Amino acid sequence: MVDKKKTEVVELDGEKVKIKKGALRDMLGVPKSYKFNKTSLRRVNKTDIGKTFEFQGKRFKMTNLMKKRITLAITLMK
């Protein structure tokens, strides 16, 4: 089955970037109503790729894609 996530175009430094809406929420298993804050995302983003971390009481393994999505989320919060 193909994942048909809704995509959105965001402009960063004059360059248009296509992102999947809600992809980070799905990866971290939080509901749509959950609001991320910079502090918790920065703490998680310090985790090296391949290492495990805990977020909202759940354990995850940091992947390259997850790190990119977290970095993008922090950037878009500025």
N, C-alpha and C. Protein backbone atom coordinates (compact mmCIF):
# COMPACT_ATOMS: atom_id res chain seq x y z
N MET A 1 0.84 -1.18 0.00
CA MET A 1 0.00 0.00 0.00
C MET A 1 0.89 1.25 0.00
N VAL A 2 0.56 2.18 -0.85
CA VAL A 2 1.34 3.41 -0.98
C VAL A 2 0.80 4.45 -0.01
N ASP A 3 1.71 5.10 0.72
CA ASP A 3 1.34 6.13 1.68
C ASP A 3 1.08 7.42 0.92
N LYS A 4 -0.16 7.88 0.93
CA LYS A 4 -0.52 9.10 0.20
C LYS A 4 -0.70 10.25 1.18
N LYS A 5 0.38 10.68 1.78
CA LYS A 5 0.37 11.80 2.72
C LYS A 5 0.16 13.10 1.94
N LYS A 6 -0.50 14.02 2.59
CA LYS A 6 -0.71 15.33 2.01
C LYS A 6 0.62 16.08 2.03
N THR A 7 1.03 16.61 0.90
CA THR A 7 2.29 17.35 0.85
C THR A 7 2.01 18.85 0.88
N GLU A 8 3.02 19.56 1.33
CA GLU A 8 2.92 21.01 1.45
C GLU A 8 4.23 21.61 0.96
N VAL A 9 4.17 22.76 0.32
CA VAL A 9 5.37 23.43 -0.15
C VAL A 9 5.72 24.56 0.81
N VAL A 10 6.96 24.55 1.29
CA VAL A 10 7.45 25.55 2.24
C VAL A 10 8.66 26.23 1.63
N GLU A 11 8.79 27.53 1.85
CA GLU A 11 9.93 28.26 1.31
C GLU A 11 10.97 28.49 2.40
N LEU A 12 12.20 28.00 2.15
CA LEU A 12 13.31 28.18 3.07
C LEU A 12 14.47 28.83 2.33
N ASP A 13 14.87 29.99 2.78
CA ASP A 13 15.97 30.74 2.15
C ASP A 13 15.76 30.92 0.65
N GLY A 14 14.53 31.22 0.26
CA GLY A 14 14.23 31.45 -1.15
C GLY A 14 14.08 30.19 -1.98
N GLU A 15 14.23 29.04 -1.37
CA GLU A 15 14.13 27.77 -2.08
C GLU A 15 12.86 27.05 -1.63
N LYS A 16 12.08 26.54 -2.60
CA LYS A 16 10.85 25.85 -2.26
C LYS A 16 11.14 24.38 -1.97
N VAL A 17 10.60 23.90 -0.84
CA VAL A 17 10.84 22.54 -0.39
C VAL A 17 9.48 21.86 -0.18
N LYS A 18 9.35 20.63 -0.68
CA LYS A 18 8.12 19.86 -0.50
C LYS A 18 8.26 18.99 0.74
N ILE A 19 7.27 19.05 1.64
CA ILE A 19 7.31 18.22 2.84
C ILE A 19 6.01 17.45 2.99
N LYS A 20 6.06 16.34 3.72
CA LYS A 20 4.85 15.57 4.02
C LYS A 20 4.28 16.10 5.32
N LYS A 21 3.06 16.54 5.28
CA LYS A 21 2.42 17.12 6.46
C LYS A 21 2.13 16.02 7.49
N GLY A 22 2.59 16.23 8.74
CA GLY A 22 2.34 15.28 9.81
C GLY A 22 3.28 14.08 9.85
N ALA A 23 4.31 14.08 9.03
CA ALA A 23 5.22 12.93 8.95
C ALA A 23 6.01 12.73 10.25
N LEU A 24 6.46 13.80 10.86
CA LEU A 24 7.21 13.69 12.11
C LEU A 24 6.30 13.19 13.24
N ARG A 25 5.08 13.69 13.26
CA ARG A 25 4.11 13.21 14.26
C ARG A 25 3.89 11.71 14.13
N ASP A 26 3.75 11.24 12.89
CA ASP A 26 3.56 9.81 12.66
C ASP A 26 4.77 9.00 13.12
N MET A 27 5.97 9.51 12.82
CA MET A 27 7.20 8.81 13.20
C MET A 27 7.32 8.69 14.72
N LEU A 28 6.92 9.74 15.43
CA LEU A 28 7.08 9.77 16.88
C LEU A 28 5.82 9.29 17.61
N GLY A 29 4.79 8.96 16.86
CA GLY A 29 3.59 8.38 17.45
C GLY A 29 2.83 9.31 18.39
N VAL A 30 2.77 10.58 18.04
CA VAL A 30 2.00 11.53 18.85
C VAL A 30 0.74 11.93 18.09
N PRO A 31 -0.33 12.30 18.79
CA PRO A 31 -1.58 12.67 18.11
C PRO A 31 -1.45 14.01 17.39
N LYS A 32 -2.38 14.25 16.46
CA LYS A 32 -2.36 15.50 15.69
C LYS A 32 -2.50 16.73 16.59
N SER A 33 -3.12 16.56 17.73
CA SER A 33 -3.34 17.69 18.64
C SER A 33 -2.08 18.07 19.42
N TYR A 34 -1.05 17.21 19.39
CA TYR A 34 0.18 17.47 20.15
C TYR A 34 0.94 18.64 19.53
N LYS A 35 1.39 19.58 20.36
CA LYS A 35 2.19 20.72 19.91
C LYS A 35 3.64 20.48 20.30
N PHE A 36 4.53 20.44 19.33
CA PHE A 36 5.96 20.30 19.60
C PHE A 36 6.49 21.63 20.13
N ASN A 37 7.53 21.53 20.96
CA ASN A 37 8.22 22.75 21.37
C ASN A 37 9.70 22.60 21.03
N LYS A 38 10.35 23.74 20.86
CA LYS A 38 11.76 23.73 20.43
C LYS A 38 12.66 22.99 21.41
N THR A 39 12.41 23.14 22.70
CA THR A 39 13.26 22.55 23.71
C THR A 39 13.31 21.03 23.59
N SER A 40 12.15 20.41 23.47
CA SER A 40 12.13 18.94 23.38
C SER A 40 12.71 18.46 22.06
N LEU A 41 12.46 19.19 20.98
CA LEU A 41 13.01 18.78 19.68
C LEU A 41 14.53 18.96 19.64
N ARG A 42 15.05 20.03 20.25
CA ARG A 42 16.50 20.23 20.29
C ARG A 42 17.18 19.13 21.10
N ARG A 43 16.55 18.74 22.22
CA ARG A 43 17.10 17.67 23.06
C ARG A 43 17.18 16.37 22.26
N VAL A 44 16.11 16.04 21.55
CA VAL A 44 16.07 14.81 20.75
C VAL A 44 17.05 14.90 19.58
N ASN A 45 17.19 16.08 18.99
CA ASN A 45 18.05 16.25 17.82
C ASN A 45 19.53 16.06 18.14
N LYS A 46 19.90 16.13 19.42
CA LYS A 46 21.30 15.91 19.82
C LYS A 46 21.69 14.43 19.73
N THR A 47 20.70 13.55 19.61
CA THR A 47 20.95 12.11 19.54
C THR A 47 21.62 11.77 18.21
N ASP A 48 22.67 10.98 18.25
CA ASP A 48 23.36 10.56 17.03
C ASP A 48 22.53 9.53 16.27
N ILE A 49 22.74 9.47 14.96
CA ILE A 49 22.03 8.51 14.11
C ILE A 49 22.44 7.10 14.53
N GLY A 50 21.44 6.24 14.70
CA GLY A 50 21.67 4.87 15.11
C GLY A 50 21.52 4.64 16.60
N LYS A 51 21.50 5.71 17.39
CA LYS A 51 21.33 5.60 18.85
C LYS A 51 19.84 5.67 19.20
N THR A 52 19.51 5.16 20.37
CA THR A 52 18.12 5.21 20.81
C THR A 52 17.89 6.41 21.73
N PHE A 53 16.65 6.90 21.74
CA PHE A 53 16.27 8.00 22.60
C PHE A 53 14.84 7.79 23.05
N GLU A 54 14.44 8.54 24.07
CA GLU A 54 13.09 8.44 24.59
C GLU A 54 12.35 9.75 24.34
N PHE A 55 11.12 9.62 23.85
CA PHE A 55 10.29 10.79 23.60
C PHE A 55 8.87 10.46 24.02
N GLN A 56 8.33 11.23 24.95
CA GLN A 56 6.98 11.00 25.46
C GLN A 56 6.78 9.59 26.01
N GLY A 57 7.82 9.06 26.66
CA GLY A 57 7.74 7.75 27.28
C GLY A 57 7.91 6.58 26.33
N LYS A 58 8.21 6.86 25.06
CA LYS A 58 8.42 5.80 24.07
C LYS A 58 9.86 5.84 23.60
N ARG A 59 10.42 4.65 23.30
CA ARG A 59 11.81 4.57 22.83
C ARG A 59 11.83 4.48 21.31
N PHE A 60 12.76 5.25 20.71
CA PHE A 60 12.92 5.28 19.26
C PHE A 60 14.38 5.17 18.91
N LYS A 61 14.65 4.75 17.69
CA LYS A 61 16.01 4.73 17.16
C LYS A 61 16.12 5.88 16.17
N MET A 62 17.13 6.72 16.34
CA MET A 62 17.31 7.88 15.46
C MET A 62 17.76 7.42 14.08
N THR A 63 17.00 7.80 13.08
CA THR A 63 17.36 7.49 11.69
C THR A 63 17.75 8.79 11.00
N ASN A 64 18.35 8.67 9.84
CA ASN A 64 18.76 9.83 9.07
C ASN A 64 17.53 10.68 8.71
N LEU A 65 16.46 10.02 8.27
CA LEU A 65 15.25 10.73 7.89
C LEU A 65 14.61 11.44 9.09
N MET A 66 14.59 10.77 10.23
CA MET A 66 14.01 11.37 11.43
C MET A 66 14.80 12.61 11.83
N LYS A 67 16.12 12.53 11.77
CA LYS A 67 16.98 13.66 12.13
C LYS A 67 16.69 14.85 11.19
N LYS A 68 16.53 14.57 9.90
CA LYS A 68 16.24 15.64 8.94
C LYS A 68 14.89 16.29 9.24
N ARG A 69 13.89 15.47 9.57
CA ARG A 69 12.56 16.00 9.84
C ARG A 69 12.55 16.83 11.12
N ILE A 70 13.29 16.40 12.13
CA ILE A 70 13.36 17.15 13.39
C ILE A 70 14.07 18.48 13.15
N THR A 71 15.15 18.46 12.40
CA THR A 71 15.89 19.69 12.08
C THR A 71 15.01 20.66 11.31
N LEU A 72 14.24 20.14 10.36
CA LEU A 72 13.33 20.99 9.59
C LEU A 72 12.26 21.59 10.49
N ALA A 73 11.72 20.80 11.40
CA ALA A 73 10.69 21.30 12.32
C ALA A 73 11.24 22.43 13.19
N ILE A 74 12.46 22.27 13.67
CA ILE A 74 13.09 23.33 14.49
C ILE A 74 13.27 24.58 13.65
N THR A 75 13.72 24.42 12.41
CA THR A 75 13.94 25.54 11.51
C THR A 75 12.63 26.29 11.23
N LEU A 76 11.55 25.54 11.01
CA LEU A 76 10.27 26.17 10.70
C LEU A 76 9.66 26.85 11.91
N MET A 77 10.09 26.52 13.12
CA MET A 77 9.57 27.16 14.32
C MET A 77 10.17 28.55 14.55
N LYS A 78 11.27 28.86 13.87
CA LYS A 78 11.94 30.15 14.08
C LYS A 78 11.14 31.29 13.51
